[in-house]
Amino acid sequence: MSVTDNTVDHKQSIPHTRQDYVRHTQRFAAFLKRPPDTATLEQASQGQTRHPELRR
């Protein structure tokens, strides 16, 4: 695999990464029932416990 192959793979993964981020943020907001940027550390921890896929 060459450097250009890795670059192409990376560019193709960007939309998938963004989609995952949006989906996880929406789930976390639904769990909080408010915007995620207002969460406390305790609430973030609870969200990760309920939704392990948010632990990235």
PDB file of N, CA and C in Angstrom:
ATOM      1  N   MET A   1       0.849  -1.182   0.000  1.00  0.00           N
ATOM      2  CA  MET A   1       0.000   0.000   0.000  1.00  0.00           C
ATOM      3  C   MET A   1       0.890   1.240   0.000  1.00  0.00           C
ATOM      4  N   SER A   2       0.612   2.156  -0.858  1.00  0.00           N
ATOM      5  CA  SER A   2       1.429   3.363  -0.958  1.00  0.00           C
ATOM      6  C   SER A   2       0.832   4.490  -0.116  1.00  0.00           C
ATOM      7  N   VAL A   3       1.563   5.569  -0.020  1.00  0.00           N
ATOM      8  CA  VAL A   3       1.102   6.735   0.728  1.00  0.00           C
ATOM      9  C   VAL A   3      -0.180   7.281   0.114  1.00  0.00           C
ATOM     10  N   THR A   4      -0.260   7.313  -1.199  1.00  0.00           N
ATOM     11  CA  THR A   4      -1.467   7.834  -1.843  1.00  0.00           C
ATOM     12  C   THR A   4      -2.671   6.954  -1.555  1.00  0.00           C
ATOM     13  N   ASP A   5      -2.469   5.639  -1.412  1.00  0.00           N
ATOM     14  CA  ASP A   5      -3.583   4.751  -1.057  1.00  0.00           C
ATOM     15  C   ASP A   5      -4.144   5.120   0.313  1.00  0.00           C
ATOM     16  N   ASN A   6      -3.248   5.396   1.263  1.00  0.00           N
ATOM     17  CA  ASN A   6      -3.693   5.784   2.601  1.00  0.00           C
ATOM     18  C   ASN A   6      -4.434   7.114   2.573  1.00  0.00           C
ATOM     19  N   THR A   7      -3.973   8.034   1.758  1.00  0.00           N
ATOM     20  CA  THR A   7      -4.619   9.340   1.646  1.00  0.00           C
ATOM     21  C   THR A   7      -6.034   9.193   1.086  1.00  0.00           C
ATOM     22  N   VAL A   8      -6.175   8.378   0.067  1.00  0.00           N
ATOM     23  CA  VAL A   8      -7.495   8.149  -0.528  1.00  0.00           C
ATOM     24  C   VAL A   8      -8.422   7.509   0.495  1.00  0.00           C
ATOM     25  N   ASP A   9      -7.940   6.503   1.227  1.00  0.00           N
ATOM     26  CA  ASP A   9      -8.759   5.856   2.255  1.00  0.00           C
ATOM     27  C   ASP A   9      -9.192   6.854   3.313  1.00  0.00           C
ATOM     28  N   HIS A  10      -8.261   7.720   3.714  1.00  0.00           N
ATOM     29  CA  HIS A  10      -8.576   8.725   4.729  1.00  0.00           C
ATOM     30  C   HIS A  10      -9.658   9.684   4.227  1.00  0.00           C
ATOM     31  N   LYS A  11      -9.531  10.155   3.015  1.00  0.00           N
ATOM     32  CA  LYS A  11     -10.514  11.085   2.463  1.00  0.00           C
ATOM     33  C   LYS A  11     -11.889  10.433   2.349  1.00  0.00           C
ATOM     34  N   GLN A  12     -11.926   9.150   2.054  1.00  0.00           N
ATOM     35  CA  GLN A  12     -13.201   8.456   1.941  1.00  0.00           C
ATOM     36  C   GLN A  12     -13.831   8.217   3.301  1.00  0.00           C
ATOM     37  N   SER A  13     -13.032   8.164   4.361  1.00  0.00           N
ATOM     38  CA  SER A  13     -13.578   7.905   5.694  1.00  0.00           C
ATOM     39  C   SER A  13     -14.124   9.163   6.362  1.00  0.00           C
ATOM     40  N   ILE A  14     -13.779  10.331   5.864  1.00  0.00           N
ATOM     41  CA  ILE A  14     -14.223  11.579   6.484  1.00  0.00           C
ATOM     42  C   ILE A  14     -15.749  11.691   6.532  1.00  0.00           C
ATOM     43  N   PRO A  15     -16.486  11.467   5.459  1.00  0.00           N
ATOM     44  CA  PRO A  15     -17.957  11.564   5.552  1.00  0.00           C
ATOM     45  C   PRO A  15     -18.529  10.563   6.559  1.00  0.00           C
ATOM     46  N   HIS A  16     -17.960   9.358   6.613  1.00  0.00           N
ATOM     47  CA  HIS A  16     -18.432   8.350   7.569  1.00  0.00           C
ATOM     48  C   HIS A  16     -18.187   8.829   9.000  1.00  0.00           C
ATOM     49  N   THR A  17     -17.032   9.414   9.253  1.00  0.00           N
ATOM     50  CA  THR A  17     -16.702   9.920  10.581  1.00  0.00           C
ATOM     51  C   THR A  17     -17.662  11.030  10.980  1.00  0.00           C
ATOM     52  N   ARG A  18     -17.962  11.913  10.059  1.00  0.00           N
ATOM     53  CA  ARG A  18     -18.895  13.011  10.348  1.00  0.00           C
ATOM     54  C   ARG A  18     -20.291  12.470  10.647  1.00  0.00           C
ATOM     55  N   GLN A  19     -20.727  11.498   9.877  1.00  0.00           N
ATOM     56  CA  GLN A  19     -22.048  10.900  10.101  1.00  0.00           C
ATOM     57  C   GLN A  19     -22.115  10.253  11.478  1.00  0.00           C
ATOM     58  N   ASP A  20     -21.054   9.544  11.862  1.00  0.00           N
ATOM     59  CA  ASP A  20     -21.008   8.928  13.191  1.00  0.00           C
ATOM     60  C   ASP A  20     -21.071   9.985  14.282  1.00  0.00           C
ATOM     61  N   TYR A  21     -20.299  11.059  14.117  1.00  0.00           N
ATOM     62  CA  TYR A  21     -20.278  12.130  15.110  1.00  0.00           C
ATOM     63  C   TYR A  21     -21.676  12.737  15.295  1.00  0.00           C
ATOM     64  N   VAL A  22     -22.332  13.025  14.192  1.00  0.00           N
ATOM     65  CA  VAL A  22     -23.673  13.617  14.250  1.00  0.00           C
ATOM     66  C   VAL A  22     -24.651  12.651  14.916  1.00  0.00           C
ATOM     67  N   ARG A  23     -24.602  11.377  14.529  1.00  0.00           N
ATOM     68  CA  ARG A  23     -25.509  10.381  15.103  1.00  0.00           C
ATOM     69  C   ARG A  23     -25.290  10.237  16.616  1.00  0.00           C
ATOM     70  N   HIS A  24     -24.037  10.157  17.048  1.00  0.00           N
ATOM     71  CA  HIS A  24     -23.749  10.003  18.478  1.00  0.00           C
ATOM     72  C   HIS A  24     -24.130  11.258  19.261  1.00  0.00           C
ATOM     73  N   THR A  25     -23.904  12.415  18.666  1.00  0.00           N
ATOM     74  CA  THR A  25     -24.273  13.669  19.331  1.00  0.00           C
ATOM     75  C   THR A  25     -25.791  13.770  19.480  1.00  0.00           C
ATOM     76  N   GLN A  26     -26.527  13.343  18.460  1.00  0.00           N
ATOM     77  CA  GLN A  26     -27.993  13.354  18.542  1.00  0.00           C
ATOM     78  C   GLN A  26     -28.486  12.397  19.629  1.00  0.00           C
ATOM     79  N   ARG A  27     -27.884  11.225  19.719  1.00  0.00           N
ATOM     80  CA  ARG A  27     -28.275  10.271  20.773  1.00  0.00           C
ATOM     81  C   ARG A  27     -27.989  10.827  22.157  1.00  0.00           C
ATOM     82  N   PHE A  28     -26.843  11.461  22.306  1.00  0.00           N
ATOM     83  CA  PHE A  28     -26.480  12.032  23.594  1.00  0.00           C
ATOM     84  C   PHE A  28     -27.425  13.169  23.960  1.00  0.00           C
ATOM     85  N   ALA A  29     -27.780  14.003  22.996  1.00  0.00           N
ATOM     86  CA  ALA A  29     -28.731  15.090  23.243  1.00  0.00           C
ATOM     87  C   ALA A  29     -30.102  14.540  23.621  1.00  0.00           C
ATOM     88  N   ALA A  30     -30.519  13.464  22.989  1.00  0.00           N
ATOM     89  CA  ALA A  30     -31.799  12.838  23.329  1.00  0.00           C
ATOM     90  C   ALA A  30     -31.753  12.283  24.747  1.00  0.00           C
ATOM     91  N   PHE A  31     -30.632  11.689  25.131  1.00  0.00           N
ATOM     92  CA  PHE A  31     -30.462  11.173  26.492  1.00  0.00           C
ATOM     93  C   PHE A  31     -30.554  12.315  27.507  1.00  0.00           C
ATOM     94  N   LEU A  32     -29.898  13.438  27.203  1.00  0.00           N
ATOM     95  CA  LEU A  32     -29.894  14.585  28.117  1.00  0.00           C
ATOM     96  C   LEU A  32     -31.202  15.360  28.102  1.00  0.00           C
ATOM     97  N   LYS A  33     -31.894  15.297  26.964  1.00  0.00           N
ATOM     98  CA  LYS A  33     -33.096  16.110  26.727  1.00  0.00           C
ATOM     99  C   LYS A  33     -32.769  17.594  26.718  1.00  0.00           C
ATOM    100  N   ARG A  34     -31.558  17.895  26.219  1.00  0.00           N
ATOM    101  CA  ARG A  34     -31.090  19.286  26.048  1.00  0.00           C
ATOM    102  C   ARG A  34     -29.795  19.256  25.251  1.00  0.00           C
ATOM    103  N   PRO A  35     -29.250  20.410  24.875  1.00  0.00           N
ATOM    104  CA  PRO A  35     -28.012  20.425  24.089  1.00  0.00           C
ATOM    105  C   PRO A  35     -26.848  19.767  24.839  1.00  0.00           C
ATOM    106  N   PRO A  36     -26.046  18.976  24.153  1.00  0.00           N
ATOM    107  CA  PRO A  36     -24.951  18.259  24.806  1.00  0.00           C
ATOM    108  C   PRO A  36     -23.880  19.151  25.422  1.00  0.00           C
ATOM    109  N   ASP A  37     -23.722  20.363  24.916  1.00  0.00           N
ATOM    110  CA  ASP A  37     -22.686  21.232  25.482  1.00  0.00           C
ATOM    111  C   ASP A  37     -23.052  21.760  26.861  1.00  0.00           C
ATOM    112  N   THR A  38     -24.256  21.442  27.347  1.00  0.00           N
ATOM    113  CA  THR A  38     -24.661  21.854  28.694  1.00  0.00           C
ATOM    114  C   THR A  38     -24.522  20.718  29.701  1.00  0.00           C
ATOM    115  N   ALA A  39     -23.999  19.580  29.272  1.00  0.00           N
ATOM    116  CA  ALA A  39     -23.876  18.409  30.147  1.00  0.00           C
ATOM    117  C   ALA A  39     -22.779  18.601  31.189  1.00  0.00           C
ATOM    118  N   THR A  40     -23.027  18.047  32.366  1.00  0.00           N
ATOM    119  CA  THR A  40     -21.992  18.005  33.394  1.00  0.00           C
ATOM    120  C   THR A  40     -21.136  16.765  33.158  1.00  0.00           C
ATOM    121  N   LEU A  41     -20.012  16.664  33.845  1.00  0.00           N
ATOM    122  CA  LEU A  41     -19.164  15.483  33.718  1.00  0.00           C
ATOM    123  C   LEU A  41     -19.910  14.223  34.152  1.00  0.00           C
ATOM    124  N   GLU A  42     -20.706  14.333  35.187  1.00  0.00           N
ATOM    125  CA  GLU A  42     -21.479  13.189  35.663  1.00  0.00           C
ATOM    126  C   GLU A  42     -22.474  12.727  34.602  1.00  0.00           C
ATOM    127  N   GLN A  43     -23.154  13.653  33.961  1.00  0.00           N
ATOM    128  CA  GLN A  43     -24.116  13.304  32.918  1.00  0.00           C
ATOM    129  C   GLN A  43     -23.410  12.688  31.708  1.00  0.00           C
ATOM    130  N   ALA A  44     -22.238  13.192  31.370  1.00  0.00           N
ATOM    131  CA  ALA A  44     -21.477  12.615  30.257  1.00  0.00           C
ATOM    132  C   ALA A  44     -21.089  11.177  30.586  1.00  0.00           C
ATOM    133  N   SER A  45     -20.692  10.947  31.823  1.00  0.00           N
ATOM    134  CA  SER A  45     -20.340   9.595  32.247  1.00  0.00           C
ATOM    135  C   SER A  45     -21.550   8.668  32.182  1.00  0.00           C
ATOM    136  N   GLN A  46     -22.690   9.149  32.625  1.00  0.00           N
ATOM    137  CA  GLN A  46     -23.924   8.354  32.560  1.00  0.00           C
ATOM    138  C   GLN A  46     -24.290   8.053  31.105  1.00  0.00           C
ATOM    139  N   GLY A  47     -24.109   9.016  30.235  1.00  0.00           N
ATOM    140  CA  GLY A  47     -24.394   8.814  28.820  1.00  0.00           C
ATOM    141  C   GLY A  47     -23.500   7.752  28.212  1.00  0.00           C
ATOM    142  N   GLN A  48     -22.234   7.739  28.609  1.00  0.00           N
ATOM    143  CA  GLN A  48     -21.313   6.727  28.098  1.00  0.00           C
ATOM    144  C   GLN A  48     -21.662   5.346  28.631  1.00  0.00           C
ATOM    145  N   THR A  49     -22.182   5.279  29.841  1.00  0.00           N
ATOM    146  CA  THR A  49     -22.582   4.000  30.418  1.00  0.00           C
ATOM    147  C   THR A  49     -23.782   3.439  29.668  1.00  0.00           C
ATOM    148  N   ARG A  50     -24.729   4.302  29.353  1.00  0.00           N
ATOM    149  CA  ARG A  50     -25.932   3.861  28.642  1.00  0.00           C
ATOM    150  C   ARG A  50     -25.671   3.595  27.175  1.00  0.00           C
ATOM    151  N   HIS A  51     -24.745   4.333  26.589  1.00  0.00           N
ATOM    152  CA  HIS A  51     -24.442   4.225  25.155  1.00  0.00           C
ATOM    153  C   HIS A  51     -22.932   4.033  24.987  1.00  0.00           C
ATOM    154  N   PRO A  52     -22.448   2.809  25.109  1.00  0.00           N
ATOM    155  CA  PRO A  52     -21.003   2.565  25.029  1.00  0.00           C
ATOM    156  C   PRO A  52     -20.354   3.029  23.726  1.00  0.00           C
ATOM    157  N   GLU A  53     -21.128   3.139  22.654  1.00  0.00           N
ATOM    158  CA  GLU A  53     -20.551   3.579  21.380  1.00  0.00           C
ATOM    159  C   GLU A  53     -20.113   5.036  21.428  1.00  0.00           C
ATOM    160  N   LEU A  54     -20.497   5.777  22.473  1.00  0.00           N
ATOM    161  CA  LEU A  54     -20.094   7.174  22.607  1.00  0.00           C
ATOM    162  C   LEU A  54     -18.692   7.318  23.205  1.00  0.00           C
ATOM    163  N   ARG A  55     -18.077   6.233  23.594  1.00  0.00           N
ATOM    164  CA  ARG A  55     -16.788   6.267  24.291  1.00  0.00           C
ATOM    165  C   ARG A  55     -15.599   6.425  23.374  1.00  0.00           C
ATOM    166  N   ARG A  56     -15.633   7.123  22.349  1.00  0.00           N
ATOM    167  CA  ARG A  56     -14.499   7.237  21.441  1.00  0.00           C
ATOM    168  C   ARG A  56     -13.716   8.470  21.664  1.00  0.00           C
TER     169      ARG A  56
END
